[in-house]
Amino acid sequence: MDHLLGALGVAIVVFASTDVDDLFVLLGFFADPKFRVRQIVIGQYLGIAALFGFSVLASLLVFVIPAAYIGLLGLAPIYFGLKRLWEIWNGIDTDDNPEDHEKASAGHGNIVAVALVTIANGGDNISVYTPLFATRSAYEILAFGCVFAALTAVWLGVAHALVNHPKLGAPIRRHGYRVVPFVLIAIGVLILYEAGTVEFFWR
């Protein structure tokens, strides 16, 4: 029992330390009128599930992809950031068109965008999860998965609550979506840099 509680404690620390930046990204998504809550929740869970699943598979196969190749995932947030920046620059918004709101709510593009940004921003997650899972039993890995799922809900709840806060919510909603493109681009560039992707392919 103590061993399992210890594993749960490790899982909490690992998730919090590797996903703290996701909280700021989620704030941006919730503040963006083009994204619905359902899309953000589904996309975030898909992204976290993909990171978890790949890490488990990698640990079982004792297979680690070179960081430089994982860094290529940084191109995803750069793409979505530039795309959103272009839309804002050209006045493409959904605030005044209910029909566009319905289309945004029904489409799958936003879900994919959130999932890909989560995966791209999780390169460090894979590098941490893989060796950690390689030394854990199946029950412990399952416990890690449950903790990650629960904390993902906490992350989503905190970000949503901040965006809808009586005092903090208004400025976040008013300016948050304008900040998102720059945050995404910065994250993408940071991923490419930290992974050594540019240096690797420049040689």
C-alpha atoms as a PDB file:
ATOM      1  CA  MET A   1       0.000   0.000   0.000  1.00  0.00           C
ATOM      2  CA  ASP A   2       2.781   2.404   0.919  1.00  0.00           C
ATOM      3  CA  HIS A   3       4.516   1.533  -2.352  1.00  0.00           C
ATOM      4  CA  LEU A   4       1.381   2.425  -4.329  1.00  0.00           C
ATOM      5  CA  LEU A   5       0.920   5.687  -2.429  1.00  0.00           C
ATOM      6  CA  GLY A   6       4.541   6.526  -3.181  1.00  0.00           C
ATOM      7  CA  ALA A   7       3.922   5.891  -6.890  1.00  0.00           C
ATOM      8  CA  LEU A   8       0.858   8.156  -6.787  1.00  0.00           C
ATOM      9  CA  GLY A   9       2.944  10.884  -5.176  1.00  0.00           C
ATOM     10  CA  VAL A  10       5.586  10.548  -7.874  1.00  0.00           C
ATOM     11  CA  ALA A  11       2.877  10.688 -10.544  1.00  0.00           C
ATOM     12  CA  ILE A  12       1.506  13.958  -9.146  1.00  0.00           C
ATOM     13  CA  VAL A  13       4.941  15.570  -8.998  1.00  0.00           C
ATOM     14  CA  VAL A  14       5.864  14.369 -12.493  1.00  0.00           C
ATOM     15  CA  PHE A  15       2.636  15.605 -14.069  1.00  0.00           C
ATOM     16  CA  ALA A  16       2.748  18.988 -12.334  1.00  0.00           C
ATOM     17  CA  SER A  17       6.378  19.573 -13.266  1.00  0.00           C
ATOM     18  CA  THR A  18       6.032  18.579 -16.925  1.00  0.00           C
ATOM     19  CA  ASP A  19       2.604  20.092 -17.645  1.00  0.00           C
ATOM     20  CA  VAL A  20       2.666  23.430 -15.850  1.00  0.00           C
ATOM     21  CA  ASP A  21       3.123  25.212 -19.202  1.00  0.00           C
ATOM     22  CA  ASP A  22      -0.017  23.499 -20.507  1.00  0.00           C
ATOM     23  CA  LEU A  23      -2.031  25.515 -18.013  1.00  0.00           C
ATOM     24  CA  PHE A  24      -1.068  28.758 -19.750  1.00  0.00           C
ATOM     25  CA  VAL A  25      -1.832  27.291 -23.170  1.00  0.00           C
ATOM     26  CA  LEU A  26      -5.264  26.185 -21.934  1.00  0.00           C
ATOM     27  CA  LEU A  27      -5.949  29.718 -20.689  1.00  0.00           C
ATOM     28  CA  GLY A  28      -5.362  30.935 -24.215  1.00  0.00           C
ATOM     29  CA  PHE A  29      -7.617  28.307 -25.767  1.00  0.00           C
ATOM     30  CA  PHE A  30     -10.471  29.004 -23.328  1.00  0.00           C
ATOM     31  CA  ALA A  31     -10.114  32.740 -23.977  1.00  0.00           C
ATOM     32  CA  ASP A  32     -10.318  32.238 -27.741  1.00  0.00           C
ATOM     33  CA  PRO A  33     -13.965  32.491 -28.925  1.00  0.00           C
ATOM     34  CA  LYS A  34     -13.204  30.140 -31.815  1.00  0.00           C
ATOM     35  CA  PHE A  35     -12.745  27.219 -29.416  1.00  0.00           C
ATOM     36  CA  ARG A  36     -15.557  25.502 -27.530  1.00  0.00           C
ATOM     37  CA  VAL A  37     -15.118  23.966 -24.085  1.00  0.00           C
ATOM     38  CA  ARG A  38     -15.944  20.522 -25.454  1.00  0.00           C
ATOM     39  CA  GLN A  39     -13.304  20.834 -28.166  1.00  0.00           C
ATOM     40  CA  ILE A  40     -10.628  21.910 -25.692  1.00  0.00           C
ATOM     41  CA  VAL A  41     -11.459  19.115 -23.232  1.00  0.00           C
ATOM     42  CA  ILE A  42     -11.480  16.401 -25.906  1.00  0.00           C
ATOM     43  CA  GLY A  43      -8.343  17.754 -27.577  1.00  0.00           C
ATOM     44  CA  GLN A  44      -6.437  18.020 -24.308  1.00  0.00           C
ATOM     45  CA  TYR A  45      -7.342  14.490 -23.258  1.00  0.00           C
ATOM     46  CA  LEU A  46      -6.426  13.121 -26.682  1.00  0.00           C
ATOM     47  CA  GLY A  47      -3.065  14.863 -26.506  1.00  0.00           C
ATOM     48  CA  ILE A  48      -2.283  13.669 -22.966  1.00  0.00           C
ATOM     49  CA  ALA A  49      -3.461  10.148 -23.841  1.00  0.00           C
ATOM     50  CA  ALA A  50      -1.187  10.101 -26.900  1.00  0.00           C
ATOM     51  CA  LEU A  51       1.816  11.223 -24.843  1.00  0.00           C
ATOM     52  CA  PHE A  52       1.067   8.640 -22.166  1.00  0.00           C
ATOM     53  CA  GLY A  53       0.471   5.817 -24.652  1.00  0.00           C
ATOM     54  CA  PHE A  54       3.601   6.519 -26.638  1.00  0.00           C
ATOM     55  CA  SER A  55       5.688   6.692 -23.480  1.00  0.00           C
ATOM     56  CA  VAL A  56       4.324   3.355 -22.295  1.00  0.00           C
ATOM     57  CA  LEU A  57       5.033   1.773 -25.682  1.00  0.00           C
ATOM     58  CA  ALA A  58       8.509   3.270 -25.774  1.00  0.00           C
ATOM     59  CA  SER A  59       9.268   1.973 -22.271  1.00  0.00           C
ATOM     60  CA  LEU A  60       8.088  -1.534 -23.174  1.00  0.00           C
ATOM     61  CA  LEU A  61      10.182  -1.617 -26.335  1.00  0.00           C
ATOM     62  CA  VAL A  62      13.090   0.171 -24.662  1.00  0.00           C
ATOM     63  CA  PHE A  63      12.890   2.461 -27.653  1.00  0.00           C
ATOM     64  CA  VAL A  64      13.690   6.139 -27.462  1.00  0.00           C
ATOM     65  CA  ILE A  65      13.329   8.422 -30.470  1.00  0.00           C
ATOM     66  CA  PRO A  66      16.186  10.950 -30.736  1.00  0.00           C
ATOM     67  CA  ALA A  67      15.185  14.256 -29.182  1.00  0.00           C
ATOM     68  CA  ALA A  68      15.936  16.054 -32.451  1.00  0.00           C
ATOM     69  CA  TYR A  69      13.123  14.164 -34.195  1.00  0.00           C
ATOM     70  CA  ILE A  70      10.694  14.684 -31.314  1.00  0.00           C
ATOM     71  CA  GLY A  71      11.515  18.364 -31.606  1.00  0.00           C
ATOM     72  CA  LEU A  72       9.892  18.425 -35.052  1.00  0.00           C
ATOM     73  CA  LEU A  73       6.585  18.400 -33.174  1.00  0.00           C
ATOM     74  CA  GLY A  74       7.392  22.021 -32.377  1.00  0.00           C
ATOM     75  CA  LEU A  75       6.342  22.895 -35.926  1.00  0.00           C
ATOM     76  CA  ALA A  76       2.689  22.200 -34.974  1.00  0.00           C
ATOM     77  CA  PRO A  77       2.241  25.065 -32.468  1.00  0.00           C
ATOM     78  CA  ILE A  78       4.219  27.378 -34.778  1.00  0.00           C
ATOM     79  CA  TYR A  79       1.816  26.565 -37.618  1.00  0.00           C
ATOM     80  CA  PHE A  80      -1.315  27.086 -35.516  1.00  0.00           C
ATOM     81  CA  GLY A  81       0.139  30.260 -34.006  1.00  0.00           C
ATOM     82  CA  LEU A  82       0.914  31.767 -37.416  1.00  0.00           C
ATOM     83  CA  LYS A  83      -2.502  30.705 -38.715  1.00  0.00           C
ATOM     84  CA  ARG A  84      -4.305  32.356 -35.797  1.00  0.00           C
ATOM     85  CA  LEU A  85      -2.122  35.466 -36.110  1.00  0.00           C
ATOM     86  CA  TRP A  86      -3.059  35.726 -39.782  1.00  0.00           C
ATOM     87  CA  GLU A  87      -6.758  35.425 -38.911  1.00  0.00           C
ATOM     88  CA  ILE A  88      -6.539  38.150 -36.259  1.00  0.00           C
ATOM     89  CA  TRP A  89      -4.530  40.413 -38.567  1.00  0.00           C
ATOM     90  CA  ASN A  90      -7.150  40.072 -41.294  1.00  0.00           C
ATOM     91  CA  GLY A  91     -10.066  40.552 -38.905  1.00  0.00           C
ATOM     92  CA  ILE A  92     -11.304  36.983 -39.222  1.00  0.00           C
ATOM     93  CA  ASP A  93     -13.238  36.460 -36.005  1.00  0.00           C
ATOM     94  CA  THR A  94     -16.343  34.599 -34.908  1.00  0.00           C
ATOM     95  CA  ASP A  95     -17.712  37.028 -32.321  1.00  0.00           C
ATOM     96  CA  ASP A  96     -20.370  38.588 -34.529  1.00  0.00           C
ATOM     97  CA  ASN A  97     -21.500  35.603 -36.559  1.00  0.00           C
ATOM     98  CA  PRO A  98     -23.640  32.958 -34.805  1.00  0.00           C
ATOM     99  CA  GLU A  99     -23.439  30.699 -37.843  1.00  0.00           C
ATOM    100  CA  ASP A 100     -19.647  30.665 -37.581  1.00  0.00           C
ATOM    101  CA  HIS A 101     -19.992  29.785 -33.903  1.00  0.00           C
ATOM    102  CA  GLU A 102     -22.078  26.758 -34.831  1.00  0.00           C
ATOM    103  CA  LYS A 103     -19.559  25.692 -37.474  1.00  0.00           C
ATOM    104  CA  ALA A 104     -16.689  26.068 -35.013  1.00  0.00           C
ATOM    105  CA  SER A 105     -18.575  24.024 -32.429  1.00  0.00           C
ATOM    106  CA  ALA A 106     -19.334  21.238 -34.880  1.00  0.00           C
ATOM    107  CA  GLY A 107     -15.909  21.018 -36.533  1.00  0.00           C
ATOM    108  CA  HIS A 108     -13.092  18.694 -35.580  1.00  0.00           C
ATOM    109  CA  GLY A 109     -10.276  21.007 -36.620  1.00  0.00           C
ATOM    110  CA  ASN A 110     -10.104  22.727 -33.247  1.00  0.00           C
ATOM    111  CA  ILE A 111      -9.959  19.392 -31.425  1.00  0.00           C
ATOM    112  CA  VAL A 112      -7.041  18.326 -33.603  1.00  0.00           C
ATOM    113  CA  ALA A 113      -5.353  21.690 -33.037  1.00  0.00           C
ATOM    114  CA  VAL A 114      -5.559  21.390 -29.240  1.00  0.00           C
ATOM    115  CA  ALA A 115      -4.389  17.760 -29.339  1.00  0.00           C
ATOM    116  CA  LEU A 116      -1.420  18.508 -31.602  1.00  0.00           C
ATOM    117  CA  VAL A 117      -0.335  21.505 -29.546  1.00  0.00           C
ATOM    118  CA  THR A 118      -0.562  19.384 -26.384  1.00  0.00           C
ATOM    119  CA  ILE A 119       1.521  16.631 -27.998  1.00  0.00           C
ATOM    120  CA  ALA A 120       4.040  19.091 -29.417  1.00  0.00           C
ATOM    121  CA  ASN A 121       4.366  20.788 -26.054  1.00  0.00           C
ATOM    122  CA  GLY A 122       4.901  17.380 -24.444  1.00  0.00           C
ATOM    123  CA  GLY A 123       8.288  16.459 -25.869  1.00  0.00           C
ATOM    124  CA  ASP A 124       9.746  16.769 -22.389  1.00  0.00           C
ATOM    125  CA  ASN A 125       6.911  14.595 -21.072  1.00  0.00           C
ATOM    126  CA  ILE A 126       7.992  11.713 -23.299  1.00  0.00           C
ATOM    127  CA  SER A 127      11.616  12.027 -22.256  1.00  0.00           C
ATOM    128  CA  VAL A 128      10.573  11.905 -18.582  1.00  0.00           C
ATOM    129  CA  TYR A 129       7.770   9.327 -18.784  1.00  0.00           C
ATOM    130  CA  THR A 130       9.655   6.764 -20.869  1.00  0.00           C
ATOM    131  CA  PRO A 131      12.505   5.929 -18.461  1.00  0.00           C
ATOM    132  CA  LEU A 132      10.119   6.285 -15.507  1.00  0.00           C
ATOM    133  CA  PHE A 133       7.659   3.737 -16.904  1.00  0.00           C
ATOM    134  CA  ALA A 134      10.487   1.382 -17.855  1.00  0.00           C
ATOM    135  CA  THR A 135      11.171   0.786 -14.157  1.00  0.00           C
ATOM    136  CA  ARG A 136       7.522   0.466 -13.046  1.00  0.00           C
ATOM    137  CA  SER A 137       5.084  -2.433 -12.883  1.00  0.00           C
ATOM    138  CA  ALA A 138       1.901  -2.555 -14.962  1.00  0.00           C
ATOM    139  CA  TYR A 139      -0.195  -1.647 -11.906  1.00  0.00           C
ATOM    140  CA  GLU A 140       1.967   1.378 -11.180  1.00  0.00           C
ATOM    141  CA  ILE A 141       1.775   2.545 -14.789  1.00  0.00           C
ATOM    142  CA  LEU A 142      -2.019   2.180 -14.602  1.00  0.00           C
ATOM    143  CA  ALA A 143      -1.994   4.263 -11.410  1.00  0.00           C
ATOM    144  CA  PHE A 144       0.082   6.899 -13.217  1.00  0.00           C
ATOM    145  CA  GLY A 145      -2.497   6.972 -16.001  1.00  0.00           C
ATOM    146  CA  CYS A 146      -5.358   7.492 -13.538  1.00  0.00           C
ATOM    147  CA  VAL A 147      -3.496  10.322 -11.800  1.00  0.00           C
ATOM    148  CA  PHE A 148      -2.676  11.977 -15.133  1.00  0.00           C
ATOM    149  CA  ALA A 149      -6.341  11.773 -16.193  1.00  0.00           C
ATOM    150  CA  ALA A 150      -7.507  13.297 -12.902  1.00  0.00           C
ATOM    151  CA  LEU A 151      -4.932  16.088 -12.969  1.00  0.00           C
ATOM    152  CA  THR A 152      -5.778  16.870 -16.601  1.00  0.00           C
ATOM    153  CA  ALA A 153      -9.335  17.527 -15.398  1.00  0.00           C
ATOM    154  CA  VAL A 154      -7.928  19.779 -12.650  1.00  0.00           C
ATOM    155  CA  TRP A 155      -5.823  21.688 -15.208  1.00  0.00           C
ATOM    156  CA  LEU A 156      -8.867  22.163 -17.450  1.00  0.00           C
ATOM    157  CA  GLY A 157     -11.010  23.250 -14.505  1.00  0.00           C
ATOM    158  CA  VAL A 158      -8.482  25.785 -13.240  1.00  0.00           C
ATOM    159  CA  ALA A 159      -7.965  27.315 -16.702  1.00  0.00           C
ATOM    160  CA  HIS A 160     -11.721  27.494 -17.363  1.00  0.00           C
ATOM    161  CA  ALA A 161     -12.372  29.007 -13.915  1.00  0.00           C
ATOM    162  CA  LEU A 162      -9.727  31.696 -14.415  1.00  0.00           C
ATOM    163  CA  VAL A 163     -11.104  32.671 -17.824  1.00  0.00           C
ATOM    164  CA  ASN A 164     -14.619  32.948 -16.315  1.00  0.00           C
ATOM    165  CA  HIS A 165     -13.527  34.612 -13.066  1.00  0.00           C
ATOM    166  CA  PRO A 166     -15.651  37.726 -12.232  1.00  0.00           C
ATOM    167  CA  LYS A 167     -12.593  39.987 -12.149  1.00  0.00           C
ATOM    168  CA  LEU A 168      -9.830  38.127 -13.967  1.00  0.00           C
ATOM    169  CA  GLY A 169     -12.055  36.611 -16.648  1.00  0.00           C
ATOM    170  CA  ALA A 170     -12.918  39.795 -18.555  1.00  0.00           C
ATOM    171  CA  PRO A 171      -9.325  40.910 -19.315  1.00  0.00           C
ATOM    172  CA  ILE A 172      -8.298  37.323 -20.100  1.00  0.00           C
ATOM    173  CA  ARG A 173     -11.184  36.908 -22.549  1.00  0.00           C
ATOM    174  CA  ARG A 174     -10.610  40.378 -24.018  1.00  0.00           C
ATOM    175  CA  HIS A 175      -6.891  40.028 -24.656  1.00  0.00           C
ATOM    176  CA  GLY A 176      -6.125  36.325 -24.213  1.00  0.00           C
ATOM    177  CA  TYR A 177      -6.894  35.273 -27.771  1.00  0.00           C
ATOM    178  CA  ARG A 178      -4.509  37.934 -29.082  1.00  0.00           C
ATOM    179  CA  VAL A 179      -1.694  36.560 -26.944  1.00  0.00           C
ATOM    180  CA  VAL A 180      -2.288  32.917 -27.914  1.00  0.00           C
ATOM    181  CA  PRO A 181      -0.563  33.058 -31.343  1.00  0.00           C
ATOM    182  CA  PHE A 182       2.641  34.463 -29.830  1.00  0.00           C
ATOM    183  CA  VAL A 183       2.563  31.904 -26.996  1.00  0.00           C
ATOM    184  CA  LEU A 184       2.147  29.051 -29.477  1.00  0.00           C
ATOM    185  CA  ILE A 185       4.941  30.312 -31.732  1.00  0.00           C
ATOM    186  CA  ALA A 186       7.235  30.796 -28.733  1.00  0.00           C
ATOM    187  CA  ILE A 187       6.481  27.286 -27.493  1.00  0.00           C
ATOM    188  CA  GLY A 188       7.231  25.837 -30.922  1.00  0.00           C
ATOM    189  CA  VAL A 189      10.533  27.694 -31.227  1.00  0.00           C
ATOM    190  CA  LEU A 190      11.496  26.660 -27.681  1.00  0.00           C
ATOM    191  CA  ILE A 191      10.738  23.010 -28.462  1.00  0.00           C
ATOM    192  CA  LEU A 192      12.881  23.116 -31.613  1.00  0.00           C
ATOM    193  CA  TYR A 193      15.702  24.798 -29.718  1.00  0.00           C
ATOM    194  CA  GLU A 194      15.682  22.618 -26.603  1.00  0.00           C
ATOM    195  CA  ALA A 195      15.452  19.427 -28.647  1.00  0.00           C
ATOM    196  CA  GLY A 196      18.427  20.498 -30.781  1.00  0.00           C
ATOM    197  CA  THR A 197      16.348  19.986 -33.921  1.00  0.00           C
ATOM    198  CA  VAL A 198      17.648  23.006 -35.818  1.00  0.00           C
ATOM    199  CA  GLU A 199      21.267  22.201 -35.006  1.00  0.00           C
ATOM    200  CA  PHE A 200      20.736  18.530 -35.852  1.00  0.00           C
ATOM    201  CA  PHE A 201      19.316  19.164 -39.332  1.00  0.00           C
ATOM    202  CA  TRP A 202      21.595  22.129 -40.023  1.00  0.00           C
ATOM    203  CA  ARG A 203      24.689  19.921 -39.864  1.00  0.00           C
END
